Amino acid sequence: MARAAIWNKFALSSIRCSRVRRFARTATATLHLGLPVRVGGLVVNQGDLLHADANGVTSIPIEIASEVADIGAEFLAGEEIVMSYVKAPGDKSVAKFNELRKEFGNIVAGLTKRVSRKGK
């Protein structure tokens, strides 16, 4: 049921975006190509790799793109720690939820460190 609701939300968003794109093609003119643009507070340059979802948009440096793809399964497994608790039947506690979120945060920090180029 929850997946259907998420899919419906995604499908409606896609339809809305599709309508906007169709309108934009007829209502705008291209003045320049290859110049940086600002999207949701993020400066996007030609050739940038972007990831966008309901939480926002981010740029992935091309030089670490394959590494980011490689850690995807580990990220999802870490996220499942929290999601399985939330989805499970029964009472929930804020303390347990926060404990699991901290565990997930530690996993994400480790994955981030593996793909980060800062300090290398």
PDB file of N, CA and C in Angstrom:
ATOM      1  N   MET A   1       0.823  -1.201   0.000  1.00  0.00           N
ATOM      2  CA  MET A   1       0.000   0.000   0.000  1.00  0.00           C
ATOM      3  C   MET A   1       0.859   1.254   0.000  1.00  0.00           C
ATOM      4  N   ALA A   2       1.886   1.281   0.878  1.00  0.00           N
ATOM      5  CA  ALA A   2       2.746   2.460   0.948  1.00  0.00           C
ATOM      6  C   ALA A   2       3.506   2.655  -0.349  1.00  0.00           C
ATOM      7  N   ARG A   3       3.965   1.542  -0.956  1.00  0.00           N
ATOM      8  CA  ARG A   3       4.684   1.661  -2.219  1.00  0.00           C
ATOM      9  C   ARG A   3       3.779   2.204  -3.310  1.00  0.00           C
ATOM     10  N   ALA A   4       2.524   1.779  -3.309  1.00  0.00           N
ATOM     11  CA  ALA A   4       1.580   2.291  -4.309  1.00  0.00           C
ATOM     12  C   ALA A   4       1.395   3.790  -4.129  1.00  0.00           C
ATOM     13  N   ALA A   5       1.310   4.231  -2.889  1.00  0.00           N
ATOM     14  CA  ALA A   5       1.143   5.664  -2.626  1.00  0.00           C
ATOM     15  C   ALA A   5       2.371   6.430  -3.093  1.00  0.00           C
ATOM     16  N   ILE A   6       3.562   5.870  -2.818  1.00  0.00           N
ATOM     17  CA  ILE A   6       4.792   6.530  -3.260  1.00  0.00           C
ATOM     18  C   ILE A   6       4.836   6.563  -4.785  1.00  0.00           C
ATOM     19  N   TRP A   7       4.514   5.446  -5.429  1.00  0.00           N
ATOM     20  CA  TRP A   7       4.531   5.397  -6.886  1.00  0.00           C
ATOM     21  C   TRP A   7       3.537   6.401  -7.467  1.00  0.00           C
ATOM     22  N   ASN A   8       2.337   6.471  -6.903  1.00  0.00           N
ATOM     23  CA  ASN A   8       1.348   7.418  -7.400  1.00  0.00           C
ATOM     24  C   ASN A   8       1.863   8.850  -7.263  1.00  0.00           C
ATOM     25  N   LYS A   9       2.504   9.155  -6.150  1.00  0.00           N
ATOM     26  CA  LYS A   9       3.064  10.495  -5.951  1.00  0.00           C
ATOM     27  C   LYS A   9       4.133  10.761  -7.006  1.00  0.00           C
ATOM     28  N   PHE A  10       4.993   9.754  -7.255  1.00  0.00           N
ATOM     29  CA  PHE A  10       6.044   9.895  -8.257  1.00  0.00           C
ATOM     30  C   PHE A  10       5.427  10.071  -9.643  1.00  0.00           C
ATOM     31  N   ALA A  11       4.429   9.268  -9.968  1.00  0.00           N
ATOM     32  CA  ALA A  11       3.799   9.345 -11.284  1.00  0.00           C
ATOM     33  C   ALA A  11       3.153  10.714 -11.493  1.00  0.00           C
ATOM     34  N   LEU A  12       2.467  11.220 -10.470  1.00  0.00           N
ATOM     35  CA  LEU A  12       1.849  12.538 -10.590  1.00  0.00           C
ATOM     36  C   LEU A  12       2.903  13.620 -10.755  1.00  0.00           C
ATOM     37  N   SER A  13       4.014  13.499 -10.022  1.00  0.00           N
ATOM     38  CA  SER A  13       5.095  14.475 -10.166  1.00  0.00           C
ATOM     39  C   SER A  13       5.650  14.440 -11.578  1.00  0.00           C
ATOM     40  N   SER A  14       5.807  13.238 -12.123  1.00  0.00           N
ATOM     41  CA  SER A  14       6.334  13.101 -13.478  1.00  0.00           C
ATOM     42  C   SER A  14       5.391  13.713 -14.501  1.00  0.00           C
ATOM     43  N   ILE A  15       4.099  13.492 -14.288  1.00  0.00           N
ATOM     44  CA  ILE A  15       3.116  14.061 -15.214  1.00  0.00           C
ATOM     45  C   ILE A  15       3.177  15.583 -15.139  1.00  0.00           C
ATOM     46  N   ARG A  16       3.240  16.123 -13.920  1.00  0.00           N
ATOM     47  CA  ARG A  16       3.333  17.569 -13.776  1.00  0.00           C
ATOM     48  C   ARG A  16       4.590  18.101 -14.452  1.00  0.00           C
ATOM     49  N   CYS A  17       5.721  17.419 -14.229  1.00  0.00           N
ATOM     50  CA  CYS A  17       6.975  17.848 -14.863  1.00  0.00           C
ATOM     51  C   CYS A  17       6.869  17.763 -16.372  1.00  0.00           C
ATOM     52  N   SER A  18       6.234  16.714 -16.860  1.00  0.00           N
ATOM     53  CA  SER A  18       6.065  16.545 -18.298  1.00  0.00           C
ATOM     54  C   SER A  18       5.262  17.702 -18.880  1.00  0.00           C
ATOM     55  N   ARG A  19       4.205  18.089 -18.187  1.00  0.00           N
ATOM     56  CA  ARG A  19       3.393  19.213 -18.662  1.00  0.00           C
ATOM     57  C   ARG A  19       4.205  20.505 -18.662  1.00  0.00           C
ATOM     58  N   VAL A  20       5.004  20.694 -17.623  1.00  0.00           N
ATOM     59  CA  VAL A  20       5.828  21.902 -17.544  1.00  0.00           C
ATOM     60  C   VAL A  20       6.821  21.916 -18.691  1.00  0.00           C
ATOM     61  N   ARG A  21       7.458  20.771 -18.971  1.00  0.00           N
ATOM     62  CA  ARG A  21       8.426  20.720 -20.067  1.00  0.00           C
ATOM     63  C   ARG A  21       7.758  21.032 -21.402  1.00  0.00           C
ATOM     64  N   ARG A  22       6.568  20.478 -21.625  1.00  0.00           N
ATOM     65  CA  ARG A  22       5.879  20.756 -22.883  1.00  0.00           C
ATOM     66  C   ARG A  22       5.587  22.245 -23.005  1.00  0.00           C
ATOM     67  N   PHE A  23       5.121  22.838 -21.913  1.00  0.00           N
ATOM     68  CA  PHE A  23       4.828  24.268 -21.927  1.00  0.00           C
ATOM     69  C   PHE A  23       6.108  25.059 -22.147  1.00  0.00           C
ATOM     70  N   ALA A  24       7.167  24.650 -21.438  1.00  0.00           N
ATOM     71  CA  ALA A  24       8.429  25.387 -21.523  1.00  0.00           C
ATOM     72  C   ALA A  24       8.989  25.360 -22.944  1.00  0.00           C
ATOM     73  N   ARG A  25       8.798  24.264 -23.667  1.00  0.00           N
ATOM     74  CA  ARG A  25       9.317  24.198 -25.027  1.00  0.00           C
ATOM     75  C   ARG A  25       8.657  25.225 -25.932  1.00  0.00           C
ATOM     76  N   THR A  26       7.421  25.532 -25.661  1.00  0.00           N
ATOM     77  CA  THR A  26       6.731  26.471 -26.535  1.00  0.00           C
ATOM     78  C   THR A  26       6.782  27.908 -26.020  1.00  0.00           C
ATOM     79  N   ALA A  27       7.117  28.081 -24.748  1.00  0.00           N
ATOM     80  CA  ALA A  27       7.028  29.417 -24.165  1.00  0.00           C
ATOM     81  C   ALA A  27       8.384  30.063 -23.897  1.00  0.00           C
ATOM     82  N   THR A  28       9.484  29.362 -24.185  1.00  0.00           N
ATOM     83  CA  THR A  28      10.795  29.926 -23.902  1.00  0.00           C
ATOM     84  C   THR A  28      11.668  29.905 -25.147  1.00  0.00           C
ATOM     85  N   ALA A  29      12.735  30.648 -25.075  1.00  0.00           N
ATOM     86  CA  ALA A  29      13.725  30.660 -26.156  1.00  0.00           C
ATOM     87  C   ALA A  29      15.087  30.387 -25.547  1.00  0.00           C
ATOM     88  N   THR A  30      15.925  29.656 -26.257  1.00  0.00           N
ATOM     89  CA  THR A  30      17.274  29.377 -25.793  1.00  0.00           C
ATOM     90  C   THR A  30      18.177  30.525 -26.218  1.00  0.00           C
ATOM     91  N   LEU A  31      18.736  31.210 -25.237  1.00  0.00           N
ATOM     92  CA  LEU A  31      19.598  32.345 -25.526  1.00  0.00           C
ATOM     93  C   LEU A  31      21.068  31.953 -25.508  1.00  0.00           C
ATOM     94  N   HIS A  32      21.439  31.030 -24.604  1.00  0.00           N
ATOM     95  CA  HIS A  32      22.835  30.629 -24.457  1.00  0.00           C
ATOM     96  C   HIS A  32      22.889  29.136 -24.178  1.00  0.00           C
ATOM     97  N   LEU A  33      23.959  28.505 -24.612  1.00  0.00           N
ATOM     98  CA  LEU A  33      24.182  27.093 -24.329  1.00  0.00           C
ATOM     99  C   LEU A  33      25.489  26.939 -23.565  1.00  0.00           C
ATOM    100  N   GLY A  34      25.523  25.984 -22.646  1.00  0.00           N
ATOM    101  CA  GLY A  34      26.757  25.672 -21.946  1.00  0.00           C
ATOM    102  C   GLY A  34      27.097  26.561 -20.776  1.00  0.00           C
ATOM    103  N   LEU A  35      26.246  27.491 -20.441  1.00  0.00           N
ATOM    104  CA  LEU A  35      26.507  28.372 -19.304  1.00  0.00           C
ATOM    105  C   LEU A  35      25.966  27.734 -18.022  1.00  0.00           C
ATOM    106  N   PRO A  36      26.583  28.036 -16.871  1.00  0.00           N
ATOM    107  CA  PRO A  36      26.062  27.516 -15.604  1.00  0.00           C
ATOM    108  C   PRO A  36      24.660  28.059 -15.329  1.00  0.00           C
ATOM    109  N   VAL A  37      23.846  27.239 -14.685  1.00  0.00           N
ATOM    110  CA  VAL A  37      22.512  27.661 -14.250  1.00  0.00           C
ATOM    111  C   VAL A  37      22.369  27.310 -12.775  1.00  0.00           C
ATOM    112  N   ARG A  38      21.452  27.964 -12.110  1.00  0.00           N
ATOM    113  CA  ARG A  38      21.175  27.681 -10.706  1.00  0.00           C
ATOM    114  C   ARG A  38      19.854  26.914 -10.633  1.00  0.00           C
ATOM    115  N   VAL A  39      19.920  25.726 -10.007  1.00  0.00           N
ATOM    116  CA  VAL A  39      18.736  24.884  -9.841  1.00  0.00           C
ATOM    117  C   VAL A  39      18.579  24.605  -8.357  1.00  0.00           C
ATOM    118  N   GLY A  40      17.532  25.148  -7.774  1.00  0.00           N
ATOM    119  CA  GLY A  40      17.277  24.917  -6.352  1.00  0.00           C
ATOM    120  C   GLY A  40      18.449  25.280  -5.458  1.00  0.00           C
ATOM    121  N   GLY A  41      19.162  26.343  -5.781  1.00  0.00           N
ATOM    122  CA  GLY A  41      20.290  26.763  -4.974  1.00  0.00           C
ATOM    123  C   GLY A  41      21.606  26.088  -5.343  1.00  0.00           C
ATOM    124  N   LEU A  42      21.584  25.176  -6.296  1.00  0.00           N
ATOM    125  CA  LEU A  42      22.774  24.457  -6.728  1.00  0.00           C
ATOM    126  C   LEU A  42      23.212  24.986  -8.085  1.00  0.00           C
ATOM    127  N   VAL A  43      24.476  25.354  -8.210  1.00  0.00           N
ATOM    128  CA  VAL A  43      24.997  25.792  -9.502  1.00  0.00           C
ATOM    129  C   VAL A  43      25.319  24.544 -10.315  1.00  0.00           C
ATOM    130  N   VAL A  44      24.741  24.459 -11.506  1.00  0.00           N
ATOM    131  CA  VAL A  44      24.912  23.303 -12.381  1.00  0.00           C
ATOM    132  C   VAL A  44      25.643  23.745 -13.637  1.00  0.00           C
ATOM    133  N   ASN A  45      26.735  23.052 -13.918  1.00  0.00           N
ATOM    134  CA  ASN A  45      27.529  23.332 -15.105  1.00  0.00           C
ATOM    135  C   ASN A  45      27.284  22.249 -16.148  1.00  0.00           C
ATOM    136  N   GLN A  46      27.585  22.560 -17.387  1.00  0.00           N
ATOM    137  CA  GLN A  46      27.439  21.585 -18.460  1.00  0.00           C
ATOM    138  C   GLN A  46      28.272  20.350 -18.118  1.00  0.00           C
ATOM    139  N   GLY A  47      27.672  19.170 -18.251  1.00  0.00           N
ATOM    140  CA  GLY A  47      28.367  17.912 -17.980  1.00  0.00           C
ATOM    141  C   GLY A  47      28.279  17.433 -16.550  1.00  0.00           C
ATOM    142  N   ASP A  48      27.684  18.208 -15.648  1.00  0.00           N
ATOM    143  CA  ASP A  48      27.552  17.782 -14.250  1.00  0.00           C
ATOM    144  C   ASP A  48      26.619  16.582 -14.143  1.00  0.00           C
ATOM    145  N   LEU A  49      26.917  15.707 -13.198  1.00  0.00           N
ATOM    146  CA  LEU A  49      26.066  14.561 -12.896  1.00  0.00           C
ATOM    147  C   LEU A  49      25.221  14.931 -11.684  1.00  0.00           C
ATOM    148  N   LEU A  50      23.903  14.850 -11.827  1.00  0.00           N
ATOM    149  CA  LEU A  50      22.993  15.251 -10.755  1.00  0.00           C
ATOM    150  C   LEU A  50      22.200  14.055 -10.244  1.00  0.00           C
ATOM    151  N   HIS A  51      21.877  14.095  -8.972  1.00  0.00           N
ATOM    152  CA  HIS A  51      20.931  13.147  -8.378  1.00  0.00           C
ATOM    153  C   HIS A  51      19.836  13.986  -7.736  1.00  0.00           C
ATOM    154  N   ALA A  52      18.594  13.686  -8.092  1.00  0.00           N
ATOM    155  CA  ALA A  52      17.467  14.432  -7.530  1.00  0.00           C
ATOM    156  C   ALA A  52      16.381  13.461  -7.105  1.00  0.00           C
ATOM    157  N   ASP A  53      15.755  13.767  -5.987  1.00  0.00           N
ATOM    158  CA  ASP A  53      14.601  13.006  -5.524  1.00  0.00           C
ATOM    159  C   ASP A  53      13.710  13.951  -4.724  1.00  0.00           C
ATOM    160  N   ALA A  54      12.786  13.391  -3.990  1.00  0.00           N
ATOM    161  CA  ALA A  54      11.843  14.222  -3.226  1.00  0.00           C
ATOM    162  C   ALA A  54      12.542  15.053  -2.155  1.00  0.00           C
ATOM    163  N   ASN A  55      13.764  14.670  -1.784  1.00  0.00           N
ATOM    164  CA  ASN A  55      14.493  15.383  -0.739  1.00  0.00           C
ATOM    165  C   ASN A  55      15.342  16.526  -1.270  1.00  0.00           C
ATOM    166  N   GLY A  56      15.523  16.606  -2.569  1.00  0.00           N
ATOM    167  CA  GLY A  56      16.316  17.685  -3.133  1.00  0.00           C
ATOM    168  C   GLY A  56      17.183  17.225  -4.283  1.00  0.00           C
ATOM    169  N   VAL A  57      18.161  18.061  -4.618  1.00  0.00           N
ATOM    170  CA  VAL A  57      19.070  17.770  -5.730  1.00  0.00           C
ATOM    171  C   VAL A  57      20.504  17.984  -5.265  1.00  0.00           C
ATOM    172  N   THR A  58      21.401  17.134  -5.745  1.00  0.00           N
ATOM    173  CA  THR A  58      22.816  17.262  -5.409  1.00  0.00           C
ATOM    174  C   THR A  58      23.652  16.924  -6.632  1.00  0.00           C
ATOM    175  N   SER A  59      24.854  17.418  -6.653  1.00  0.00           N
ATOM    176  CA  SER A  59      25.790  17.153  -7.739  1.00  0.00           C
ATOM    177  C   SER A  59      26.776  16.083  -7.289  1.00  0.00           C
ATOM    178  N   ILE A  60      27.051  15.121  -8.166  1.00  0.00           N
ATOM    179  CA  ILE A  60      28.015  14.063  -7.869  1.00  0.00           C
ATOM    180  C   ILE A  60      29.240  14.312  -8.743  1.00  0.00           C
ATOM    181  N   PRO A  61      30.412  14.528  -8.143  1.00  0.00           N
ATOM    182  CA  PRO A  61      31.613  14.734  -8.953  1.00  0.00           C
ATOM    183  C   PRO A  61      31.840  13.536  -9.888  1.00  0.00           C
ATOM    184  N   ILE A  62      32.092  13.808 -11.146  1.00  0.00           N
ATOM    185  CA  ILE A  62      32.269  12.752 -12.149  1.00  0.00           C
ATOM    186  C   ILE A  62      33.360  11.772 -11.728  1.00  0.00           C
ATOM    187  N   GLU A  63      34.441  12.267 -11.131  1.00  0.00           N
ATOM    188  CA  GLU A  63      35.571  11.399 -10.790  1.00  0.00           C
ATOM    189  C   GLU A  63      35.242  10.358  -9.724  1.00  0.00           C
ATOM    190  N   ILE A  64      34.146  10.518  -8.982  1.00  0.00           N
ATOM    191  CA  ILE A  64      33.772   9.503  -7.990  1.00  0.00           C
ATOM    192  C   ILE A  64      32.437   8.843  -8.323  1.00  0.00           C
ATOM    193  N   ALA A  65      31.899   9.093  -9.497  1.00  0.00           N
ATOM    194  CA  ALA A  65      30.570   8.575  -9.857  1.00  0.00           C
ATOM    195  C   ALA A  65      30.497   7.055  -9.778  1.00  0.00           C
ATOM    196  N   SER A  66      31.506   6.355 -10.276  1.00  0.00           N
ATOM    197  CA  SER A  66      31.450   4.885 -10.236  1.00  0.00           C
ATOM    198  C   SER A  66      31.533   4.372  -8.803  1.00  0.00           C
ATOM    199  N   GLU A  67      32.303   5.061  -7.954  1.00  0.00           N
ATOM    200  CA  GLU A  67      32.387   4.656  -6.549  1.00  0.00           C
ATOM    201  C   GLU A  67      31.060   4.893  -5.831  1.00  0.00           C
ATOM    202  N   VAL A  68      30.407   6.004  -6.152  1.00  0.00           N
ATOM    203  CA  VAL A  68      29.099   6.294  -5.553  1.00  0.00           C
ATOM    204  C   VAL A  68      28.101   5.210  -5.963  1.00  0.00           C
ATOM    205  N   ALA A  69      28.150   4.822  -7.230  1.00  0.00           N
ATOM    206  CA  ALA A  69      27.260   3.742  -7.694  1.00  0.00           C
ATOM    207  C   ALA A  69      27.578   2.436  -6.966  1.00  0.00           C
ATOM    208  N   ASP A  70      28.860   2.176  -6.723  1.00  0.00           N
ATOM    209  CA  ASP A  70      29.264   0.928  -6.058  1.00  0.00           C
ATOM    210  C   ASP A  70      28.769   0.831  -4.620  1.00  0.00           C
ATOM    211  N   ILE A  71      28.603   1.952  -3.936  1.00  0.00           N
ATOM    212  CA  ILE A  71      28.176   1.902  -2.524  1.00  0.00           C
ATOM    213  C   ILE A  71      26.658   1.967  -2.374  1.00  0.00           C
ATOM    214  N   GLY A  72      25.936   2.037  -3.479  1.00  0.00           N
ATOM    215  CA  GLY A  72      24.479   2.154  -3.421  1.00  0.00           C
ATOM    216  C   GLY A  72      23.812   1.047  -2.621  1.00  0.00           C
ATOM    217  N   ALA A  73      24.228  -0.196  -2.852  1.00  0.00           N
ATOM    218  CA  ALA A  73      23.617  -1.328  -2.143  1.00  0.00           C
ATOM    219  C   ALA A  73      23.891  -1.247  -0.644  1.00  0.00           C
ATOM    220  N   GLU A  74      25.097  -0.826  -0.269  1.00  0.00           N
ATOM    221  CA  GLU A  74      25.432  -0.692   1.150  1.00  0.00           C
ATOM    222  C   GLU A  74      24.617   0.431   1.801  1.00  0.00           C
ATOM    223  N   PHE A  75      24.409   1.516   1.056  1.00  0.00           N
ATOM    224  CA  PHE A  75      23.593   2.617   1.568  1.00  0.00           C
ATOM    225  C   PHE A  75      22.161   2.134   1.821  1.00  0.00           C
ATOM    226  N   LEU A  76      21.592   1.429   0.838  1.00  0.00           N
ATOM    227  CA  LEU A  76      20.221   0.934   0.986  1.00  0.00           C
ATOM    228  C   LEU A  76      20.108  -0.059   2.139  1.00  0.00           C
ATOM    229  N   ALA A  77      21.122  -0.906   2.316  1.00  0.00           N
ATOM    230  CA  ALA A  77      21.109  -1.852   3.442  1.00  0.00           C
ATOM    231  C   ALA A  77      21.134  -1.099   4.773  1.00  0.00           C
ATOM    232  N   GLY A  78      21.925  -0.040   4.841  1.00  0.00           N
ATOM    233  CA  GLY A  78      21.959   0.775   6.055  1.00  0.00           C
ATOM    234  C   GLY A  78      20.636   1.466   6.305  1.00  0.00           C
ATOM    235  N   GLU A  79      20.052   1.989   5.239  1.00  0.00           N
ATOM    236  CA  GLU A  79      18.756   2.662   5.354  1.00  0.00           C
ATOM    237  C   GLU A  79      17.673   1.683   5.820  1.00  0.00           C
ATOM    238  N   GLU A  80      17.806   0.430   5.409  1.00  0.00           N
ATOM    239  CA  GLU A  80      16.814  -0.589   5.777  1.00  0.00           C
ATOM    240  C   GLU A  80      16.788  -0.831   7.286  1.00  0.00           C
ATOM    241  N   ILE A  81      17.888  -0.547   7.970  1.00  0.00           N
ATOM    242  CA  ILE A  81      17.924  -0.681   9.434  1.00  0.00           C
ATOM    243  C   ILE A  81      16.823   0.174  10.056  1.00  0.00           C
ATOM    244  N   VAL A  82      16.703   1.399   9.589  1.00  0.00           N
ATOM    245  CA  VAL A  82      15.681   2.310  10.104  1.00  0.00           C
ATOM    246  C   VAL A  82      14.309   1.946   9.538  1.00  0.00           C
ATOM    247  N   MET A  83      14.261   1.703   8.229  1.00  0.00           N
ATOM    248  CA  MET A  83      12.970   1.461   7.575  1.00  0.00           C
ATOM    249  C   MET A  83      12.287   0.198   8.089  1.00  0.00           C
ATOM    250  N   SER A  84      13.035  -0.853   8.352  1.00  0.00           N
ATOM    251  CA  SER A  84      12.407  -2.083   8.847  1.00  0.00           C
ATOM    252  C   SER A  84      11.802  -1.858  10.230  1.00  0.00           C
ATOM    253  N   TYR A  85      12.439  -1.032  11.053  1.00  0.00           N
ATOM    254  CA  TYR A  85      11.889  -0.708  12.364  1.00  0.00           C
ATOM    255  C   TYR A  85      10.596   0.090  12.215  1.00  0.00           C
ATOM    256  N   VAL A  86      10.623   1.060  11.341  1.00  0.00           N
ATOM    257  CA  VAL A  86       9.451   1.920  11.145  1.00  0.00           C
ATOM    258  C   VAL A  86       8.281   1.121  10.580  1.00  0.00           C
ATOM    259  N   LYS A  87       8.558   0.208   9.652  1.00  0.00           N
ATOM    260  CA  LYS A  87       7.498  -0.556   8.982  1.00  0.00           C
ATOM    261  C   LYS A  87       6.968  -1.715   9.827  1.00  0.00           C
ATOM    262  N   ALA A  88       7.744  -2.175  10.786  1.00  0.00           N
ATOM    263  CA  ALA A  88       7.345  -3.341  11.581  1.00  0.00           C
ATOM    264  C   ALA A  88       6.116  -3.017  12.432  1.00  0.00           C
ATOM    265  N   PRO A  89       5.263  -4.011  12.626  1.00  0.00           N
ATOM    266  CA  PRO A  89       4.096  -3.774  13.487  1.00  0.00           C
ATOM    267  C   PRO A  89       4.526  -3.607  14.943  1.00  0.00           C
ATOM    268  N   GLY A  90       3.663  -3.009  15.700  1.00  0.00           N
ATOM    269  CA  GLY A  90       3.930  -2.854  17.123  1.00  0.00           C
ATOM    270  C   GLY A  90       4.282  -1.432  17.508  1.00  0.00           C
ATOM    271  N   ASP A  91       4.451  -1.258  18.810  1.00  0.00           N
ATOM    272  CA  ASP A  91       4.775   0.058  19.345  1.00  0.00           C
ATOM    273  C   ASP A  91       6.201   0.453  18.988  1.00  0.00           C
ATOM    274  N   LYS A  92       6.410   1.735  18.867  1.00  0.00           N
ATOM    275  CA  LYS A  92       7.724   2.296  18.548  1.00  0.00           C
ATOM    276  C   LYS A  92       8.128   3.261  19.651  1.00  0.00           C
ATOM    277  N   SER A  93       9.431   3.412  19.814  1.00  0.00           N
ATOM    278  CA  SER A  93       9.912   4.399  20.782  1.00  0.00           C
ATOM    279  C   SER A  93      10.848   5.369  20.075  1.00  0.00           C
ATOM    280  N   VAL A  94      10.809   6.606  20.524  1.00  0.00           N
ATOM    281  CA  VAL A  94      11.686   7.634  19.965  1.00  0.00           C
ATOM    282  C   VAL A  94      13.136   7.264  20.239  1.00  0.00           C
ATOM    283  N   ALA A  95      13.419   6.728  21.409  1.00  0.00           N
ATOM    284  CA  ALA A  95      14.789   6.362  21.772  1.00  0.00           C
ATOM    285  C   ALA A  95      15.339   5.305  20.817  1.00  0.00           C
ATOM    286  N   LYS A  96      14.572   4.280  20.531  1.00  0.00           N
ATOM    287  CA  LYS A  96      15.019   3.218  19.614  1.00  0.00           C
ATOM    288  C   LYS A  96      15.182   3.775  18.199  1.00  0.00           C
ATOM    289  N   PHE A  97      14.233   4.591  17.773  1.00  0.00           N
ATOM    290  CA  PHE A  97      14.319   5.206  16.452  1.00  0.00           C
ATOM    291  C   PHE A  97      15.596   6.039  16.337  1.00  0.00           C
ATOM    292  N   ASN A  98      15.875   6.857  17.342  1.00  0.00           N
ATOM    293  CA  ASN A  98      17.084   7.685  17.330  1.00  0.00           C
ATOM    294  C   ASN A  98      18.349   6.834  17.338  1.00  0.00           C
ATOM    295  N   GLU A  99      18.327   5.730  18.069  1.00  0.00           N
ATOM    296  CA  GLU A  99      19.466   4.808  18.095  1.00  0.00           C
ATOM    297  C   GLU A  99      19.727   4.234  16.696  1.00  0.00           C
ATOM    298  N   LEU A 100      18.671   3.827  16.014  1.00  0.00           N
ATOM    299  CA  LEU A 100      18.820   3.260  14.672  1.00  0.00           C
ATOM    300  C   LEU A 100      19.236   4.314  13.655  1.00  0.00           C
ATOM    301  N   ARG A 101      18.712   5.519  13.800  1.00  0.00           N
ATOM    302  CA  ARG A 101      19.134   6.616  12.904  1.00  0.00           C
ATOM    303  C   ARG A 101      20.608   6.931  13.102  1.00  0.00           C
ATOM    304  N   LYS A 102      21.073   6.879  14.347  1.00  0.00           N
ATOM    305  CA  LYS A 102      22.492   7.120  14.612  1.00  0.00           C
ATOM    306  C   LYS A 102      23.342   6.026  13.959  1.00  0.00           C
ATOM    307  N   GLU A 103      22.890   4.784  14.064  1.00  0.00           N
ATOM    308  CA  GLU A 103      23.595   3.669  13.420  1.00  0.00           C
ATOM    309  C   GLU A 103      23.653   3.881  11.903  1.00  0.00           C
ATOM    310  N   PHE A 104      22.540   4.278  11.317  1.00  0.00           N
ATOM    311  CA  PHE A 104      22.503   4.577   9.884  1.00  0.00           C
ATOM    312  C   PHE A 104      23.436   5.740   9.552  1.00  0.00           C
ATOM    313  N   GLY A 105      23.431   6.762  10.374  1.00  0.00           N
ATOM    314  CA  GLY A 105      24.318   7.904  10.174  1.00  0.00           C
ATOM    315  C   GLY A 105      25.786   7.502  10.183  1.00  0.00           C
ATOM    316  N   ASN A 106      26.145   6.574  11.071  1.00  0.00           N
ATOM    317  CA  ASN A 106      27.524   6.079  11.116  1.00  0.00           C
ATOM    318  C   ASN A 106      27.881   5.323   9.838  1.00  0.00           C
ATOM    319  N   ILE A 107      26.939   4.561   9.311  1.00  0.00           N
ATOM    320  CA  ILE A 107      27.159   3.846   8.054  1.00  0.00           C
ATOM    321  C   ILE A 107      27.365   4.842   6.921  1.00  0.00           C
ATOM    322  N   VAL A 108      26.502   5.850   6.866  1.00  0.00           N
ATOM    323  CA  VAL A 108      26.611   6.868   5.813  1.00  0.00           C
ATOM    324  C   VAL A 108      27.938   7.615   5.931  1.00  0.00           C
ATOM    325  N   ALA A 109      28.350   7.934   7.143  1.00  0.00           N
ATOM    326  CA  ALA A 109      29.627   8.625   7.340  1.00  0.00           C
ATOM    327  C   ALA A 109      30.789   7.780   6.820  1.00  0.00           C
ATOM    328  N   GLY A 110      30.747   6.488   7.078  1.00  0.00           N
ATOM    329  CA  GLY A 110      31.792   5.590   6.579  1.00  0.00           C
ATOM    330  C   GLY A 110      31.797   5.510   5.065  1.00  0.00           C
ATOM    331  N   LEU A 111      30.618   5.434   4.465  1.00  0.00           N
ATOM    332  CA  LEU A 111      30.515   5.389   2.999  1.00  0.00           C
ATOM    333  C   LEU A 111      30.995   6.701   2.393  1.00  0.00           C
ATOM    334  N   THR A 112      30.628   7.804   3.013  1.00  0.00           N
ATOM    335  CA  THR A 112      31.052   9.118   2.530  1.00  0.00           C
ATOM    336  C   THR A 112      32.575   9.227   2.567  1.00  0.00           C
ATOM    337  N   LYS A 113      33.160   8.751   3.628  1.00  0.00           N
ATOM    338  CA  LYS A 113      34.607   8.802   3.761  1.00  0.00           C
ATOM    339  C   LYS A 113      35.281   7.971   2.670  1.00  0.00           C
ATOM    340  N   ARG A 114      34.686   6.837   2.323  1.00  0.00           N
ATOM    341  CA  ARG A 114      35.268   5.974   1.288  1.00  0.00           C
ATOM    342  C   ARG A 114      35.302   6.644  -0.081  1.00  0.00           C
ATOM    343  N   VAL A 115      34.296   7.449  -0.387  1.00  0.00           N
ATOM    344  CA  VAL A 115      34.239   8.043  -1.732  1.00  0.00           C
ATOM    345  C   VAL A 115      34.695   9.495  -1.775  1.00  0.00           C
ATOM    346  N   SER A 116      34.935  10.093  -0.627  1.00  0.00           N
ATOM    347  CA  SER A 116      35.318  11.499  -0.570  1.00  0.00           C
ATOM    348  C   SER A 116      36.736  11.710  -1.091  1.00  0.00           C
ATOM    349  N   ARG A 117      36.932  12.801  -1.799  1.00  0.00           N
ATOM    350  CA  ARG A 117      38.257  13.165  -2.308  1.00  0.00           C
ATOM    351  C   ARG A 117      38.917  14.220  -1.423  1.00  0.00           C
ATOM    352  N   LYS A 118      38.210  14.703  -0.411  1.00  0.00           N
ATOM    353  CA  LYS A 118      38.773  15.722   0.477  1.00  0.00           C
ATOM    354  C   LYS A 118      39.926  15.130   1.273  1.00  0.00           C
ATOM    355  N   GLY A 119      41.026  15.822   1.278  1.00  0.00           N
ATOM    356  CA  GLY A 119      42.177  15.378   2.048  1.00  0.00           C
ATOM    357  C   GLY A 119      43.007  14.300   1.364  1.00  0.00           C
ATOM    358  N   LYS A 120      42.656  13.922   0.132  1.00  0.00           N
ATOM    359  CA  LYS A 120      43.427  12.894  -0.580  1.00  0.00           C
ATOM    360  C   LYS A 120      44.397  13.508  -1.530  1.00  0.00           C
TER     361      LYS A 120
END
